[in-house]
Amino acid sequence: GSLRLSCALSGRTFNNYFMGWFRQAPGKEREFVAVITWGGITTYYADS
């Protein structure tokens, strides 16, 4: 199946921030998932 997560930033100018996602499974370390830079042109993903 599919899901879409959202994250809203408040308090500062959104354009000035690069944004990412991490995740943590029970009993495991927090791990990188994805990141997007300021203009949205560059993205990186975990291999998984």
PDB file of all heavy atoms in Angstrom:
ATOM      1  N   GLY A   1       0.804  -1.218   0.000  1.00  0.00           N
ATOM      2  CA  GLY A   1       0.000   0.000   0.000  1.00  0.00           C
ATOM      3  C   GLY A   1       0.837   1.268   0.000  1.00  0.00           C
ATOM      4  O   GLY A   1       2.074   1.220  -0.078  1.00  0.00           O
ATOM      5  N   SER A   2       0.145   2.401   0.087  1.00  0.00           N
ATOM      6  CA  SER A   2       0.799   3.708   0.024  1.00  0.00           C
ATOM      7  C   SER A   2       0.318   4.600   1.154  1.00  0.00           C
ATOM      8  O   SER A   2      -0.812   4.455   1.647  1.00  0.00           O
ATOM      9  CB  SER A   2       0.485   4.394  -1.310  1.00  0.00           C
ATOM     10  OG  SER A   2       0.980   3.648  -2.401  1.00  0.00           O
ATOM     11  N   LEU A   3       1.183   5.516   1.538  1.00  0.00           N
ATOM     12  CA  LEU A   3       0.851   6.585   2.479  1.00  0.00           C
ATOM     13  C   LEU A   3       1.605   7.829   2.051  1.00  0.00           C
ATOM     14  O   LEU A   3       2.684   7.732   1.449  1.00  0.00           O
ATOM     15  CB  LEU A   3       1.262   6.229   3.911  1.00  0.00           C
ATOM     16  CG  LEU A   3       0.386   5.313   4.754  1.00  0.00           C
ATOM     17  CD1 LEU A   3       1.061   5.049   6.089  1.00  0.00           C
ATOM     18  CD2 LEU A   3      -0.990   5.907   4.966  1.00  0.00           C
ATOM     19  N   ARG A   4       1.063   8.979   2.398  1.00  0.00           N
ATOM     20  CA  ARG A   4       1.782  10.229   2.193  1.00  0.00           C
ATOM     21  C   ARG A   4       1.898  10.954   3.529  1.00  0.00           C
ATOM     22  O   ARG A   4       0.882  11.292   4.140  1.00  0.00           O
ATOM     23  CB  ARG A   4       1.104  11.127   1.168  1.00  0.00           C
ATOM     24  CG  ARG A   4       1.981  12.335   0.821  1.00  0.00           C
ATOM     25  CD  ARG A   4       1.393  13.207  -0.253  1.00  0.00           C
ATOM     26  NE  ARG A   4       0.386  14.116   0.246  1.00  0.00           N
ATOM     27  CZ  ARG A   4       0.047  15.261  -0.350  1.00  0.00           C
ATOM     28  NH1 ARG A   4       0.654  15.617  -1.470  1.00  0.00           N
ATOM     29  NH2 ARG A   4      -0.902  16.021   0.163  1.00  0.00           N
ATOM     30  N   LEU A   5       3.124  11.186   3.938  1.00  0.00           N
ATOM     31  CA  LEU A   5       3.380  11.964   5.145  1.00  0.00           C
ATOM     32  C   LEU A   5       3.561  13.430   4.772  1.00  0.00           C
ATOM     33  O   LEU A   5       4.105  13.741   3.702  1.00  0.00           O
ATOM     34  CB  LEU A   5       4.638  11.458   5.848  1.00  0.00           C
ATOM     35  CG  LEU A   5       4.687   9.973   6.202  1.00  0.00           C
ATOM     36  CD1 LEU A   5       5.978   9.665   6.959  1.00  0.00           C
ATOM     37  CD2 LEU A   5       3.477   9.548   6.992  1.00  0.00           C
ATOM     38  N   SER A   6       3.125  14.300   5.669  1.00  0.00           N
ATOM     39  CA  SER A   6       3.313  15.733   5.495  1.00  0.00           C
ATOM     40  C   SER A   6       4.027  16.298   6.707  1.00  0.00           C
ATOM     41  O   SER A   6       3.921  15.757   7.814  1.00  0.00           O
ATOM     42  CB  SER A   6       1.957  16.437   5.345  1.00  0.00           C
ATOM     43  OG  SER A   6       1.249  15.945   4.237  1.00  0.00           O
ATOM     44  N   CYS A   7       4.761  17.381   6.476  1.00  0.00           N
ATOM     45  CA  CYS A   7       5.429  18.071   7.572  1.00  0.00           C
ATOM     46  C   CYS A   7       5.333  19.563   7.311  1.00  0.00           C
ATOM     47  O   CYS A   7       5.847  20.055   6.306  1.00  0.00           O
ATOM     48  CB  CYS A   7       6.880  17.645   7.672  1.00  0.00           C
ATOM     49  SG  CYS A   7       7.828  18.585   8.888  1.00  0.00           S
ATOM     50  N   ALA A   8       4.682  20.256   8.221  1.00  0.00           N
ATOM     51  CA  ALA A   8       4.527  21.701   8.099  1.00  0.00           C
ATOM     52  C   ALA A   8       5.530  22.402   9.006  1.00  0.00           C
ATOM     53  O   ALA A   8       5.653  22.072  10.193  1.00  0.00           O
ATOM     54  CB  ALA A   8       3.110  22.112   8.471  1.00  0.00           C
ATOM     55  N   LEU A   9       6.229  23.371   8.438  1.00  0.00           N
ATOM     56  CA  LEU A   9       7.189  24.178   9.208  1.00  0.00           C
ATOM     57  C   LEU A   9       6.581  25.532   9.493  1.00  0.00           C
ATOM     58  O   LEU A   9       6.026  26.172   8.585  1.00  0.00           O
ATOM     59  CB  LEU A   9       8.488  24.340   8.417  1.00  0.00           C
ATOM     60  CG  LEU A   9       9.646  25.093   9.091  1.00  0.00           C
ATOM     61  CD1 LEU A   9      10.992  24.545   8.578  1.00  0.00           C
ATOM     62  CD2 LEU A   9       9.580  26.593   8.867  1.00  0.00           C
ATOM     63  N   SER A  10       6.683  25.971  10.726  1.00  0.00           N
ATOM     64  CA  SER A  10       6.201  27.303  11.103  1.00  0.00           C
ATOM     65  C   SER A  10       7.260  28.009  11.929  1.00  0.00           C
ATOM     66  O   SER A  10       8.148  27.380  12.502  1.00  0.00           O
ATOM     67  CB  SER A  10       4.896  27.202  11.899  1.00  0.00           C
ATOM     68  OG  SER A  10       5.110  26.505  13.111  1.00  0.00           O
ATOM     69  N   GLY A  11       7.155  29.324  11.965  1.00  0.00           N
ATOM     70  CA  GLY A  11       8.052  30.105  12.796  1.00  0.00           C
ATOM     71  C   GLY A  11       9.202  30.755  12.061  1.00  0.00           C
ATOM     72  O   GLY A  11       9.821  31.676  12.586  1.00  0.00           O
ATOM     73  N   ARG A  12       9.513  30.269  10.886  1.00  0.00           N
ATOM     74  CA  ARG A  12      10.597  30.839  10.095  1.00  0.00           C
ATOM     75  C   ARG A  12      10.254  30.696   8.610  1.00  0.00           C
ATOM     76  O   ARG A  12       9.273  30.058   8.246  1.00  0.00           O
ATOM     77  CB  ARG A  12      11.916  30.121  10.393  1.00  0.00           C
ATOM     78  CG  ARG A  12      12.503  30.408  11.761  1.00  0.00           C
ATOM     79  CD  ARG A  12      12.978  31.843  11.921  1.00  0.00           C
ATOM     80  NE  ARG A  12      13.676  32.067  13.184  1.00  0.00           N
ATOM     81  CZ  ARG A  12      13.071  32.466  14.286  1.00  0.00           C
ATOM     82  NH1 ARG A  12      11.766  32.662  14.305  1.00  0.00           N
ATOM     83  NH2 ARG A  12      13.788  32.641  15.383  1.00  0.00           N
ATOM     84  N   THR A  13      11.107  31.267   7.762  1.00  0.00           N
ATOM     85  CA  THR A  13      10.881  31.196   6.314  1.00  0.00           C
ATOM     86  C   THR A  13      11.248  29.819   5.797  1.00  0.00           C
ATOM     87  O   THR A  13      12.411  29.418   5.834  1.00  0.00           O
ATOM     88  CB  THR A  13      11.712  32.264   5.587  1.00  0.00           C
ATOM     89  OG1 THR A  13      11.379  33.545   6.127  1.00  0.00           O
ATOM     90  CG2 THR A  13      11.431  32.249   4.092  1.00  0.00           C
ATOM     91  N   PHE A  14      10.263  29.107   5.291  1.00  0.00           N
ATOM     92  CA  PHE A  14      10.432  27.722   4.874  1.00  0.00           C
ATOM     93  C   PHE A  14      11.512  27.573   3.815  1.00  0.00           C
ATOM     94  O   PHE A  14      12.289  26.616   3.835  1.00  0.00           O
ATOM     95  CB  PHE A  14       9.089  27.206   4.352  1.00  0.00           C
ATOM     96  CG  PHE A  14       9.084  25.764   3.952  1.00  0.00           C
ATOM     97  CD1 PHE A  14       9.171  24.759   4.903  1.00  0.00           C
ATOM     98  CD2 PHE A  14       8.956  25.403   2.615  1.00  0.00           C
ATOM     99  CE1 PHE A  14       9.145  23.422   4.535  1.00  0.00           C
ATOM    100  CE2 PHE A  14       8.931  24.072   2.237  1.00  0.00           C
ATOM    101  CZ  PHE A  14       9.022  23.077   3.201  1.00  0.00           C
ATOM    102  N   ASN A  15      11.575  28.525   2.887  1.00  0.00           N
ATOM    103  CA  ASN A  15      12.517  28.426   1.771  1.00  0.00           C
ATOM    104  C   ASN A  15      13.972  28.350   2.228  1.00  0.00           C
ATOM    105  O   ASN A  15      14.831  27.900   1.478  1.00  0.00           O
ATOM    106  CB  ASN A  15      12.380  29.628   0.848  1.00  0.00           C
ATOM    107  CG  ASN A  15      11.024  29.725   0.216  1.00  0.00           C
ATOM    108  OD1 ASN A  15      10.078  29.080   0.657  1.00  0.00           O
ATOM    109  ND2 ASN A  15      10.910  30.533  -0.808  1.00  0.00           N
ATOM    110  N   ASN A  16      14.247  28.795   3.440  1.00  0.00           N
ATOM    111  CA  ASN A  16      15.624  28.839   3.928  1.00  0.00           C
ATOM    112  C   ASN A  16      16.117  27.515   4.492  1.00  0.00           C
ATOM    113  O   ASN A  16      17.274  27.414   4.897  1.00  0.00           O
ATOM    114  CB  ASN A  16      15.765  29.898   5.024  1.00  0.00           C
ATOM    115  CG  ASN A  16      15.610  31.302   4.476  1.00  0.00           C
ATOM    116  OD1 ASN A  16      15.754  31.539   3.286  1.00  0.00           O
ATOM    117  ND2 ASN A  16      15.308  32.244   5.355  1.00  0.00           N
ATOM    118  N   TYR A  17      15.225  26.508   4.510  1.00  0.00           N
ATOM    119  CA  TYR A  17      15.553  25.251   5.178  1.00  0.00           C
ATOM    120  C   TYR A  17      15.587  24.104   4.183  1.00  0.00           C
ATOM    121  O   TYR A  17      14.727  23.991   3.306  1.00  0.00           O
ATOM    122  CB  TYR A  17      14.527  24.939   6.268  1.00  0.00           C
ATOM    123  CG  TYR A  17      14.625  25.907   7.415  1.00  0.00           C
ATOM    124  CD1 TYR A  17      14.024  27.158   7.331  1.00  0.00           C
ATOM    125  CD2 TYR A  17      15.346  25.571   8.544  1.00  0.00           C
ATOM    126  CE1 TYR A  17      14.162  28.059   8.373  1.00  0.00           C
ATOM    127  CE2 TYR A  17      15.478  26.471   9.593  1.00  0.00           C
ATOM    128  CZ  TYR A  17      14.881  27.716   9.500  1.00  0.00           C
ATOM    129  OH  TYR A  17      15.014  28.602  10.526  1.00  0.00           O
ATOM    130  N   PHE A  18      16.601  23.243   4.342  1.00  0.00           N
ATOM    131  CA  PHE A  18      16.509  21.957   3.671  1.00  0.00           C
ATOM    132  C   PHE A  18      15.819  20.998   4.633  1.00  0.00           C
ATOM    133  O   PHE A  18      15.959  21.105   5.852  1.00  0.00           O
ATOM    134  CB  PHE A  18      17.856  21.432   3.177  1.00  0.00           C
ATOM    135  CG  PHE A  18      18.916  21.210   4.227  1.00  0.00           C
ATOM    136  CD1 PHE A  18      19.019  20.000   4.901  1.00  0.00           C
ATOM    137  CD2 PHE A  18      19.833  22.207   4.515  1.00  0.00           C
ATOM    138  CE1 PHE A  18      20.010  19.789   5.840  1.00  0.00           C
ATOM    139  CE2 PHE A  18      20.832  22.000   5.461  1.00  0.00           C
ATOM    140  CZ  PHE A  18      20.911  20.787   6.128  1.00  0.00           C
ATOM    141  N   MET A  19      15.045  20.097   4.078  1.00  0.00           N
ATOM    142  CA  MET A  19      14.115  19.288   4.849  1.00  0.00           C
ATOM    143  C   MET A  19      14.402  17.815   4.654  1.00  0.00           C
ATOM    144  O   MET A  19      14.691  17.369   3.535  1.00  0.00           O
ATOM    145  CB  MET A  19      12.682  19.575   4.385  1.00  0.00           C
ATOM    146  CG  MET A  19      12.283  21.039   4.424  1.00  0.00           C
ATOM    147  SD  MET A  19      12.157  21.690   6.095  1.00  0.00           S
ATOM    148  CE  MET A  19      10.803  20.699   6.752  1.00  0.00           C
ATOM    149  N   GLY A  20      14.265  17.064   5.718  1.00  0.00           N
ATOM    150  CA  GLY A  20      14.538  15.635   5.616  1.00  0.00           C
ATOM    151  C   GLY A  20      13.537  14.796   6.390  1.00  0.00           C
ATOM    152  O   GLY A  20      12.683  15.313   7.107  1.00  0.00           O
ATOM    153  N   TRP A  21      13.691  13.491   6.207  1.00  0.00           N
ATOM    154  CA  TRP A  21      12.929  12.503   6.960  1.00  0.00           C
ATOM    155  C   TRP A  21      13.892  11.445   7.493  1.00  0.00           C
ATOM    156  O   TRP A  21      14.774  10.975   6.759  1.00  0.00           O
ATOM    157  CB  TRP A  21      11.881  11.815   6.083  1.00  0.00           C
ATOM    158  CG  TRP A  21      10.752  12.700   5.665  1.00  0.00           C
ATOM    159  CD1 TRP A  21      10.664  13.409   4.502  1.00  0.00           C
ATOM    160  CD2 TRP A  21       9.551  12.957   6.391  1.00  0.00           C
ATOM    161  NE1 TRP A  21       9.480  14.100   4.475  1.00  0.00           N
ATOM    162  CE2 TRP A  21       8.772  13.835   5.613  1.00  0.00           C
ATOM    163  CE3 TRP A  21       9.047  12.523   7.618  1.00  0.00           C
ATOM    164  CZ2 TRP A  21       7.515  14.298   6.025  1.00  0.00           C
ATOM    165  CZ3 TRP A  21       7.799  12.980   8.027  1.00  0.00           C
ATOM    166  CH2 TRP A  21       7.053  13.852   7.237  1.00  0.00           C
ATOM    167  N   PHE A  22      13.697  11.105   8.735  1.00  0.00           N
ATOM    168  CA  PHE A  22      14.366   9.966   9.351  1.00  0.00           C
ATOM    169  C   PHE A  22      13.276   9.045   9.894  1.00  0.00           C
ATOM    170  O   PHE A  22      12.124   9.451  10.009  1.00  0.00           O
ATOM    171  CB  PHE A  22      15.269  10.422  10.504  1.00  0.00           C
ATOM    172  CG  PHE A  22      16.596  10.977  10.062  1.00  0.00           C
ATOM    173  CD1 PHE A  22      16.678  12.209   9.440  1.00  0.00           C
ATOM    174  CD2 PHE A  22      17.770  10.274  10.283  1.00  0.00           C
ATOM    175  CE1 PHE A  22      17.898  12.728   9.021  1.00  0.00           C
ATOM    176  CE2 PHE A  22      19.000  10.778   9.890  1.00  0.00           C
ATOM    177  CZ  PHE A  22      19.046  12.011   9.251  1.00  0.00           C
ATOM    178  N   ARG A  23      13.668   7.831  10.233  1.00  0.00           N
ATOM    179  CA  ARG A  23      12.714   6.913  10.851  1.00  0.00           C
ATOM    180  C   ARG A  23      13.421   6.059  11.902  1.00  0.00           C
ATOM    181  O   ARG A  23      14.630   5.844  11.835  1.00  0.00           O
ATOM    182  CB  ARG A  23      12.047   6.021   9.808  1.00  0.00           C
ATOM    183  CG  ARG A  23      12.981   5.026   9.134  1.00  0.00           C
ATOM    184  CD  ARG A  23      12.235   4.275   8.030  1.00  0.00           C
ATOM    185  NE  ARG A  23      13.091   3.284   7.385  1.00  0.00           N
ATOM    186  CZ  ARG A  23      12.731   2.560   6.331  1.00  0.00           C
ATOM    187  NH1 ARG A  23      11.534   2.730   5.789  1.00  0.00           N
ATOM    188  NH2 ARG A  23      13.566   1.676   5.808  1.00  0.00           N
ATOM    189  N   GLN A  24      12.616   5.597  12.843  1.00  0.00           N
ATOM    190  CA  GLN A  24      13.152   4.744  13.893  1.00  0.00           C
ATOM    191  C   GLN A  24      12.177   3.614  14.160  1.00  0.00           C
ATOM    192  O   GLN A  24      11.046   3.846  14.581  1.00  0.00           O
ATOM    193  CB  GLN A  24      13.411   5.533  15.174  1.00  0.00           C
ATOM    194  CG  GLN A  24      14.134   4.734  16.233  1.00  0.00           C
ATOM    195  CD  GLN A  24      14.648   5.594  17.364  1.00  0.00           C
ATOM    196  OE1 GLN A  24      14.208   6.729  17.560  1.00  0.00           O
ATOM    197  NE2 GLN A  24      15.616   5.079  18.111  1.00  0.00           N
ATOM    198  N   ALA A  25      12.639   2.404  13.905  1.00  0.00           N
ATOM    199  CA  ALA A  25      11.846   1.210  14.179  1.00  0.00           C
ATOM    200  C   ALA A  25      12.074   0.779  15.627  1.00  0.00           C
ATOM    201  O   ALA A  25      13.117   1.099  16.215  1.00  0.00           O
ATOM    202  CB  ALA A  25      12.246   0.091  13.223  1.00  0.00           C
ATOM    203  N   PRO A  26      11.135   0.059  16.200  1.00  0.00           N
ATOM    204  CA  PRO A  26      11.292  -0.398  17.590  1.00  0.00           C
ATOM    205  C   PRO A  26      12.584  -1.181  17.780  1.00  0.00           C
ATOM    206  O   PRO A  26      12.886  -2.101  17.009  1.00  0.00           O
ATOM    207  CB  PRO A  26      10.071  -1.289  17.807  1.00  0.00           C
ATOM    208  CG  PRO A  26       9.061  -0.782  16.837  1.00  0.00           C
ATOM    209  CD  PRO A  26       9.835  -0.332  15.635  1.00  0.00           C
ATOM    210  N   GLY A  27      13.372  -0.777  18.758  1.00  0.00           N
ATOM    211  CA  GLY A  27      14.601  -1.476  19.072  1.00  0.00           C
ATOM    212  C   GLY A  27      15.759  -1.190  18.142  1.00  0.00           C
ATOM    213  O   GLY A  27      16.805  -1.836  18.237  1.00  0.00           O
ATOM    214  N   LYS A  28      15.577  -0.240  17.252  1.00  0.00           N
ATOM    215  CA  LYS A  28      16.640   0.061  16.278  1.00  0.00           C
ATOM    216  C   LYS A  28      17.053   1.526  16.375  1.00  0.00           C
ATOM    217  O   LYS A  28      16.350   2.352  16.951  1.00  0.00           O
ATOM    218  CB  LYS A  28      16.166  -0.257  14.859  1.00  0.00           C
ATOM    219  CG  LYS A  28      15.931  -1.749  14.618  1.00  0.00           C
ATOM    220  CD  LYS A  28      15.708  -2.030  13.151  1.00  0.00           C
ATOM    221  CE  LYS A  28      15.595  -3.519  12.907  1.00  0.00           C
ATOM    222  NZ  LYS A  28      15.410  -3.825  11.465  1.00  0.00           N
ATOM    223  N   GLU A  29      18.194   1.822  15.752  1.00  0.00           N
ATOM    224  CA  GLU A  29      18.678   3.193  15.704  1.00  0.00           C
ATOM    225  C   GLU A  29      17.846   4.007  14.706  1.00  0.00           C
ATOM    226  O   GLU A  29      17.294   3.459  13.750  1.00  0.00           O
ATOM    227  CB  GLU A  29      20.141   3.202  15.238  1.00  0.00           C
ATOM    228  CG  GLU A  29      21.085   2.380  16.086  1.00  0.00           C
ATOM    229  CD  GLU A  29      21.824   3.243  17.082  1.00  0.00           C
ATOM    230  OE1 GLU A  29      22.070   4.424  16.782  1.00  0.00           O
ATOM    231  OE2 GLU A  29      22.156   2.726  18.155  1.00  0.00           O
ATOM    232  N   ARG A  30      17.812   5.307  14.931  1.00  0.00           N
ATOM    233  CA  ARG A  30      17.156   6.184  13.965  1.00  0.00           C
ATOM    234  C   ARG A  30      18.002   6.215  12.705  1.00  0.00           C
ATOM    235  O   ARG A  30      19.236   6.298  12.770  1.00  0.00           O
ATOM    236  CB  ARG A  30      17.026   7.587  14.548  1.00  0.00           C
ATOM    237  CG  ARG A  30      16.144   8.509  13.742  1.00  0.00           C
ATOM    238  CD  ARG A  30      15.908   9.831  14.455  1.00  0.00           C
ATOM    239  NE  ARG A  30      15.181   9.643  15.716  1.00  0.00           N
ATOM    240  CZ  ARG A  30      14.725  10.664  16.429  1.00  0.00           C
ATOM    241  NH1 ARG A  30      14.906  11.907  16.032  1.00  0.00           N
ATOM    242  NH2 ARG A  30      14.099  10.425  17.561  1.00  0.00           N
ATOM    243  N   GLU A  31      17.338   6.166  11.539  1.00  0.00           N
ATOM    244  CA  GLU A  31      18.065   6.127  10.281  1.00  0.00           C
ATOM    245  C   GLU A  31      17.527   7.139   9.286  1.00  0.00           C
ATOM    246  O   GLU A  31      16.342   7.490   9.299  1.00  0.00           O
ATOM    247  CB  GLU A  31      17.989   4.716   9.661  1.00  0.00           C
ATOM    248  CG  GLU A  31      16.603   4.260   9.289  1.00  0.00           C
ATOM    249  CD  GLU A  31      16.587   2.907   8.604  1.00  0.00           C
ATOM    250  OE1 GLU A  31      17.646   2.255   8.500  1.00  0.00           O
ATOM    251  OE2 GLU A  31      15.497   2.503   8.152  1.00  0.00           O
ATOM    252  N   PHE A  32      18.407   7.552   8.419  1.00  0.00           N
ATOM    253  CA  PHE A  32      18.072   8.501   7.359  1.00  0.00           C
ATOM    254  C   PHE A  32      17.135   7.855   6.354  1.00  0.00           C
ATOM    255  O   PHE A  32      17.292   6.679   6.002  1.00  0.00           O
ATOM    256  CB  PHE A  32      19.364   8.946   6.672  1.00  0.00           C
ATOM    257  CG  PHE A  32      19.161   9.722   5.406  1.00  0.00           C
ATOM    258  CD1 PHE A  32      18.847  11.070   5.454  1.00  0.00           C
ATOM    259  CD2 PHE A  32      19.281   9.105   4.180  1.00  0.00           C
ATOM    260  CE1 PHE A  32      18.668  11.791   4.287  1.00  0.00           C
ATOM    261  CE2 PHE A  32      19.105   9.807   3.010  1.00  0.00           C
ATOM    262  CZ  PHE A  32      18.797  11.159   3.055  1.00  0.00           C
ATOM    263  N   VAL A  33      16.174   8.644   5.858  1.00  0.00           N
ATOM    264  CA  VAL A  33      15.261   8.175   4.821  1.00  0.00           C
ATOM    265  C   VAL A  33      15.441   8.990   3.542  1.00  0.00           C
ATOM    266  O   VAL A  33      15.699   8.431   2.469  1.00  0.00           O
ATOM    267  CB  VAL A  33      13.797   8.256   5.283  1.00  0.00           C
ATOM    268  CG1 VAL A  33      12.855   7.865   4.153  1.00  0.00           C
ATOM    269  CG2 VAL A  33      13.574   7.372   6.505  1.00  0.00           C
ATOM    270  N   ALA A  34      15.298  10.318   3.646  1.00  0.00           N
ATOM    271  CA  ALA A  34      15.372  11.159   2.458  1.00  0.00           C
ATOM    272  C   ALA A  34      15.600  12.606   2.870  1.00  0.00           C
ATOM    273  O   ALA A  34      15.306  13.002   3.997  1.00  0.00           O
ATOM    274  CB  ALA A  34      14.083  11.049   1.638  1.00  0.00           C
ATOM    275  N   VAL A  35      16.097  13.399   1.912  1.00  0.00           N
ATOM    276  CA  VAL A  35      16.290  14.828   2.133  1.00  0.00           C
ATOM    277  C   VAL A  35      16.033  15.564   0.834  1.00  0.00           C
ATOM    278  O   VAL A  35      16.247  15.017  -0.258  1.00  0.00           O
ATOM    279  CB  VAL A  35      17.718  15.125   2.657  1.00  0.00           C
ATOM    280  CG1 VAL A  35      18.767  14.741   1.637  1.00  0.00           C
ATOM    281  CG2 VAL A  35      17.870  16.582   3.065  1.00  0.00           C
ATOM    282  N   ILE A  36      15.562  16.803   0.955  1.00  0.00           N
ATOM    283  CA  ILE A  36      15.352  17.659  -0.202  1.00  0.00           C
ATOM    284  C   ILE A  36      15.923  19.025   0.115  1.00  0.00           C
ATOM    285  O   ILE A  36      15.714  19.569   1.203  1.00  0.00           O
ATOM    286  CB  ILE A  36      13.848  17.724  -0.573  1.00  0.00           C
ATOM    287  CG1 ILE A  36      13.628  18.485  -1.871  1.00  0.00           C
ATOM    288  CG2 ILE A  36      13.011  18.312   0.567  1.00  0.00           C
ATOM    289  CD1 ILE A  36      12.221  18.293  -2.452  1.00  0.00           C
ATOM    290  N   THR A  37      16.680  19.602  -0.824  1.00  0.00           N
ATOM    291  CA  THR A  37      17.319  20.881  -0.567  1.00  0.00           C
ATOM    292  C   THR A  37      16.356  22.038  -0.815  1.00  0.00           C
ATOM    293  O   THR A  37      15.194  21.831  -1.160  1.00  0.00           O
ATOM    294  CB  THR A  37      18.577  21.021  -1.425  1.00  0.00           C
ATOM    295  OG1 THR A  37      18.232  20.824  -2.804  1.00  0.00           O
ATOM    296  CG2 THR A  37      19.613  19.977  -1.020  1.00  0.00           C
ATOM    297  N   TRP A  38      16.857  23.239  -0.672  1.00  0.00           N
ATOM    298  CA  TRP A  38      16.003  24.410  -0.571  1.00  0.00           C
ATOM    299  C   TRP A  38      15.042  24.575  -1.753  1.00  0.00           C
ATOM    300  O   TRP A  38      13.864  24.795  -1.566  1.00  0.00           O
ATOM    301  CB  TRP A  38      16.874  25.660  -0.456  1.00  0.00           C
ATOM    302  CG  TRP A  38      17.766  25.651   0.724  1.00  0.00           C
ATOM    303  CD1 TRP A  38      17.499  26.196   1.946  1.00  0.00           C
ATOM    304  CD2 TRP A  38      19.069  25.082   0.831  1.00  0.00           C
ATOM    305  NE1 TRP A  38      18.563  25.986   2.793  1.00  0.00           N
ATOM    306  CE2 TRP A  38      19.534  25.313   2.139  1.00  0.00           C
ATOM    307  CE3 TRP A  38      19.901  24.378  -0.055  1.00  0.00           C
ATOM    308  CZ2 TRP A  38      20.777  24.886   2.582  1.00  0.00           C
ATOM    309  CZ3 TRP A  38      21.131  23.942   0.387  1.00  0.00           C
ATOM    310  CH2 TRP A  38      21.558  24.200   1.694  1.00  0.00           C
ATOM    311  N   GLY A  39      15.575  24.513  -2.946  1.00  0.00           N
ATOM    312  CA  GLY A  39      14.736  24.726  -4.118  1.00  0.00           C
ATOM    313  C   GLY A  39      14.007  23.484  -4.586  1.00  0.00           C
ATOM    314  O   GLY A  39      13.213  23.539  -5.524  1.00  0.00           O
ATOM    315  N   GLY A  40      14.310  22.357  -3.946  1.00  0.00           N
ATOM    316  CA  GLY A  40      13.653  21.112  -4.329  1.00  0.00           C
ATOM    317  C   GLY A  40      14.303  20.408  -5.498  1.00  0.00           C
ATOM    318  O   GLY A  40      13.800  19.381  -5.967  1.00  0.00           O
ATOM    319  N   ILE A  41      15.431  20.931  -5.966  1.00  0.00           N
ATOM    320  CA  ILE A  41      16.072  20.335  -7.144  1.00  0.00           C
ATOM    321  C   ILE A  41      16.848  19.083  -6.787  1.00  0.00           C
ATOM    322  O   ILE A  41      16.902  18.118  -7.554  1.00  0.00           O
ATOM    323  CB  ILE A  41      16.999  21.372  -7.809  1.00  0.00           C
ATOM    324  CG1 ILE A  41      16.168  22.541  -8.336  1.00  0.00           C
ATOM    325  CG2 ILE A  41      17.812  20.740  -8.933  1.00  0.00           C
ATOM    326  CD1 ILE A  41      16.983  23.698  -8.850  1.00  0.00           C
ATOM    327  N   THR A  42      17.462  19.094  -5.613  1.00  0.00           N
ATOM    328  CA  THR A  42      18.320  17.985  -5.213  1.00  0.00           C
ATOM    329  C   THR A  42      17.650  17.169  -4.124  1.00  0.00           C
ATOM    330  O   THR A  42      17.169  17.725  -3.133  1.00  0.00           O
ATOM    331  CB  THR A  42      19.669  18.505  -4.702  1.00  0.00           C
ATOM    332  OG1 THR A  42      20.278  19.279  -5.735  1.00  0.00           O
ATOM    333  CG2 THR A  42      20.583  17.348  -4.331  1.00  0.00           C
ATOM    334  N   THR A  43      17.657  15.856  -4.337  1.00  0.00           N
ATOM    335  CA  THR A  43      17.118  14.930  -3.334  1.00  0.00           C
ATOM    336  C   THR A  43      18.083  13.759  -3.171  1.00  0.00           C
ATOM    337  O   THR A  43      18.803  13.394  -4.098  1.00  0.00           O
ATOM    338  CB  THR A  43      15.750  14.379  -3.753  1.00  0.00           C
ATOM    339  OG1 THR A  43      15.864  13.731  -5.034  1.00  0.00           O
ATOM    340  CG2 THR A  43      14.708  15.487  -3.859  1.00  0.00           C
ATOM    341  N   TYR A  44      18.067  13.195  -1.982  1.00  0.00           N
ATOM    342  CA  TYR A  44      18.838  11.984  -1.700  1.00  0.00           C
ATOM    343  C   TYR A  44      17.944  11.025  -0.940  1.00  0.00           C
ATOM    344  O   TYR A  44      17.096  11.456  -0.152  1.00  0.00           O
ATOM    345  CB  TYR A  44      20.079  12.295  -0.859  1.00  0.00           C
ATOM    346  CG  TYR A  44      21.058  13.225  -1.515  1.00  0.00           C
ATOM    347  CD1 TYR A  44      21.139  14.559  -1.157  1.00  0.00           C
ATOM    348  CD2 TYR A  44      21.931  12.757  -2.503  1.00  0.00           C
ATOM    349  CE1 TYR A  44      22.047  15.416  -1.756  1.00  0.00           C
ATOM    350  CE2 TYR A  44      22.842  13.615  -3.095  1.00  0.00           C
ATOM    351  CZ  TYR A  44      22.887  14.938  -2.726  1.00  0.00           C
ATOM    352  OH  TYR A  44      23.792  15.782  -3.330  1.00  0.00           O
ATOM    353  N   TYR A  45      18.192   9.740  -1.178  1.00  0.00           N
ATOM    354  CA  TYR A  45      17.382   8.712  -0.536  1.00  0.00           C
ATOM    355  C   TYR A  45      18.272   7.614   0.044  1.00  0.00           C
ATOM    356  O   TYR A  45      19.342   7.309  -0.491  1.00  0.00           O
ATOM    357  CB  TYR A  45      16.436   8.062  -1.542  1.00  0.00           C
ATOM    358  CG  TYR A  45      15.402   8.996  -2.113  1.00  0.00           C
ATOM    359  CD1 TYR A  45      15.637   9.707  -3.280  1.00  0.00           C
ATOM    360  CD2 TYR A  45      14.174   9.161  -1.474  1.00  0.00           C
ATOM    361  CE1 TYR A  45      14.688  10.569  -3.799  1.00  0.00           C
ATOM    362  CE2 TYR A  45      13.215  10.015  -1.990  1.00  0.00           C
ATOM    363  CZ  TYR A  45      13.483  10.721  -3.151  1.00  0.00           C
ATOM    364  OH  TYR A  45      12.528  11.564  -3.663  1.00  0.00           O
ATOM    365  N   ALA A  46      17.785   6.998   1.097  1.00  0.00           N
ATOM    366  CA  ALA A  46      18.417   5.774   1.576  1.00  0.00           C
ATOM    367  C   ALA A  46      18.192   4.680   0.535  1.00  0.00           C
ATOM    368  O   ALA A  46      17.151   4.647  -0.130  1.00  0.00           O
ATOM    369  CB  ALA A  46      17.811   5.356   2.911  1.00  0.00           C
ATOM    370  N   ASP A  47      19.142   3.798   0.414  1.00  0.00           N
ATOM    371  CA  ASP A  47      19.021   2.716  -0.574  1.00  0.00           C
ATOM    372  C   ASP A  47      17.763   1.876  -0.336  1.00  0.00           C
ATOM    373  O   ASP A  47      17.140   1.383  -1.279  1.00  0.00           O
ATOM    374  CB  ASP A  47      20.253   1.813  -0.528  1.00  0.00           C
ATOM    375  CG  ASP A  47      21.479   2.478  -1.113  1.00  0.00           C
ATOM    376  OD1 ASP A  47      21.333   3.474  -1.850  1.00  0.00           O
ATOM    377  OD2 ASP A  47      22.596   2.006  -0.825  1.00  0.00           O
ATOM    378  N   SER A  48      17.380   1.731   0.918  1.00  0.00           N
ATOM    379  CA  SER A  48      16.246   0.872   1.264  1.00  0.00           C
ATOM    380  C   SER A  48      14.903   1.410   0.773  1.00  0.00           C
ATOM    381  O   SER A  48      13.927   0.654   0.688  1.00  0.00           O
ATOM    382  CB  SER A  48      16.186   0.667   2.776  1.00  0.00           C
ATOM    383  OG  SER A  48      16.070   1.914   3.435  1.00  0.00           O
TER     384      SER A  48
END
